[in-house]
């Protein structure tokens, strides 16, 4: 994968999934209603079930994509904070009483 999507692009994709889920639900209701008018109960129930499953799956994907976008935003903030801390430490130099939190030594 050459391009890693930004959080903004992921939120846009989540909105698209949500829109498609609502469109699938609307299509299912409209199609099922037309099938019921023609007295085809079995086909109407199948159509309702399939479109409900598609809509629910798309909503689930939208939730997951939003969660990934949120995690990416948080990771970007943490990365930025770590860069600032590292540059501050490199500029000032480590003090004698500073302990390296990454060394694993306590005491």
Protein backbone atom coordinates (compact mmCIF):
# COMPACT_ATOMS: atom_id res chain seq x y z
CA UNK A 1 0.00 0.00 0.00
CA UNK A 2 1.69 3.18 -1.18
CA UNK A 3 -0.69 5.77 0.23
CA UNK A 4 -1.63 5.84 3.90
CA UNK A 5 -4.91 7.73 4.26
CA UNK A 6 -5.03 10.68 6.60
CA UNK A 7 -7.55 10.85 9.45
CA UNK A 8 -9.54 13.38 7.41
CA UNK A 9 -9.74 10.96 4.49
CA UNK A 10 -10.79 8.16 6.83
CA UNK A 11 -13.56 10.30 8.32
CA UNK A 12 -14.76 11.06 4.78
CA UNK A 13 -14.77 7.34 3.98
CA UNK A 14 -16.76 6.70 7.17
CA UNK A 15 -19.33 9.28 6.11
CA UNK A 16 -19.57 7.58 2.71
CA UNK A 17 -20.17 4.21 4.41
CA UNK A 18 -22.89 5.74 6.56
CA UNK A 19 -24.54 7.29 3.50
CA UNK A 20 -24.42 3.94 1.67
CA UNK A 21 -25.91 2.19 4.71
CA UNK A 22 -28.87 4.59 4.73
CA UNK A 23 -29.24 4.22 0.96
CA UNK A 24 -29.28 0.42 1.30
CA UNK A 25 -31.92 0.67 4.01
CA UNK A 26 -34.07 2.98 1.92
CA UNK A 27 -33.72 0.73 -1.12
CA UNK A 28 -34.65 -2.29 0.97
CA UNK A 29 -37.76 -0.65 2.35
CA UNK A 30 -38.84 0.59 -1.08
CA UNK A 31 -38.12 -2.73 -2.79
CA UNK A 32 -39.73 -4.75 -0.02
CA UNK A 33 -42.83 -2.59 -0.15
CA UNK A 34 -43.11 -3.09 -3.90
CA UNK A 35 -42.76 -6.84 -3.40
CA UNK A 36 -45.48 -6.81 -0.75
CA UNK A 37 -47.79 -4.94 -3.12
CA UNK A 38 -47.34 -7.76 -5.61
CA UNK A 39 -48.15 -10.31 -2.84
CA UNK A 40 -44.64 -11.77 -2.89
CA UNK A 41 -44.07 -12.05 0.86
CA UNK A 42 -41.08 -14.42 0.68
CA UNK A 43 -39.13 -12.17 -1.69
CA UNK A 44 -40.00 -9.08 0.36
CA UNK A 45 -38.66 -10.72 3.54
CA UNK A 46 -35.49 -11.82 1.75
CA UNK A 47 -35.00 -8.29 0.42
CA UNK A 48 -35.57 -6.75 3.86
CA UNK A 49 -33.12 -9.18 5.45
CA UNK A 50 -30.39 -8.74 2.85
CA UNK A 51 -30.57 -4.96 2.81
CA UNK A 52 -30.64 -4.86 6.62
CA UNK A 53 -27.50 -7.02 6.72
CA UNK A 54 -25.76 -4.83 4.14
CA UNK A 55 -26.73 -1.65 5.98
CA UNK A 56 -25.64 -3.01 9.34
CA UNK A 57 -22.33 -4.16 7.90
CA UNK A 58 -21.69 -0.75 6.36
CA UNK A 59 -22.51 0.97 9.66
CA UNK A 60 -20.08 -1.36 11.41
CA UNK A 61 -17.38 -0.53 8.89
CA UNK A 62 -18.07 3.18 9.39
CA UNK A 63 -17.65 2.82 13.16
CA UNK A 64 -14.37 0.95 12.73
CA UNK A 65 -13.02 3.49 10.25
CA UNK A 66 -13.91 6.35 12.62
CA UNK A 67 -12.12 4.52 15.43
CA UNK A 68 -8.99 4.08 13.30
CA UNK A 69 -9.09 7.78 12.38
CA UNK A 70 -9.32 8.70 16.06
CA UNK A 71 -6.39 6.44 16.94
CA UNK A 72 -4.32 7.90 14.11
CA UNK A 73 -5.04 11.42 15.39
CA UNK A 74 -3.99 10.45 18.91
CA UNK A 75 -0.82 8.76 17.65
CA UNK A 76 0.05 11.85 15.64
CA UNK A 77 -0.34 14.00 18.77
CA UNK A 78 1.80 11.63 20.83
CA UNK A 79 4.45 11.53 18.09
CA UNK A 80 4.54 15.31 17.99
CA UNK A 81 4.87 15.52 21.81
CA UNK A 82 7.70 12.98 21.82
CA UNK A 83 9.56 14.91 19.11
CA UNK A 84 9.30 18.10 21.18
CA UNK A 85 10.52 16.34 24.31
CA UNK A 86 13.44 14.72 22.48
CA UNK A 87 14.50 17.99 20.91
CA UNK A 88 14.26 19.77 24.30
CA UNK A 89 16.37 17.09 25.92
CA UNK A 90 18.95 17.17 23.10
CA UNK A 91 19.16 20.95 23.32
CA UNK A 92 19.56 21.09 27.11
CA UNK A 93 21.53 17.89 27.54
CA UNK A 94 20.68 15.26 30.16
CA UNK A 95 21.08 16.40 33.74
CA UNK A 96 23.02 14.24 36.19
CA UNK A 97 19.94 13.47 38.26
CA UNK A 98 17.82 12.58 35.23
CA UNK A 99 17.03 8.92 34.93
CA UNK A 100 16.37 7.40 31.58
CA UNK A 101 12.79 6.02 31.73
CA UNK A 102 13.57 3.62 28.88
CA UNK A 103 16.57 1.94 30.49
CA UNK A 104 14.50 -0.35 32.71
CA UNK A 105 16.62 0.30 35.82
CA UNK A 106 14.83 1.39 38.96
CA UNK A 107 16.58 2.53 42.01
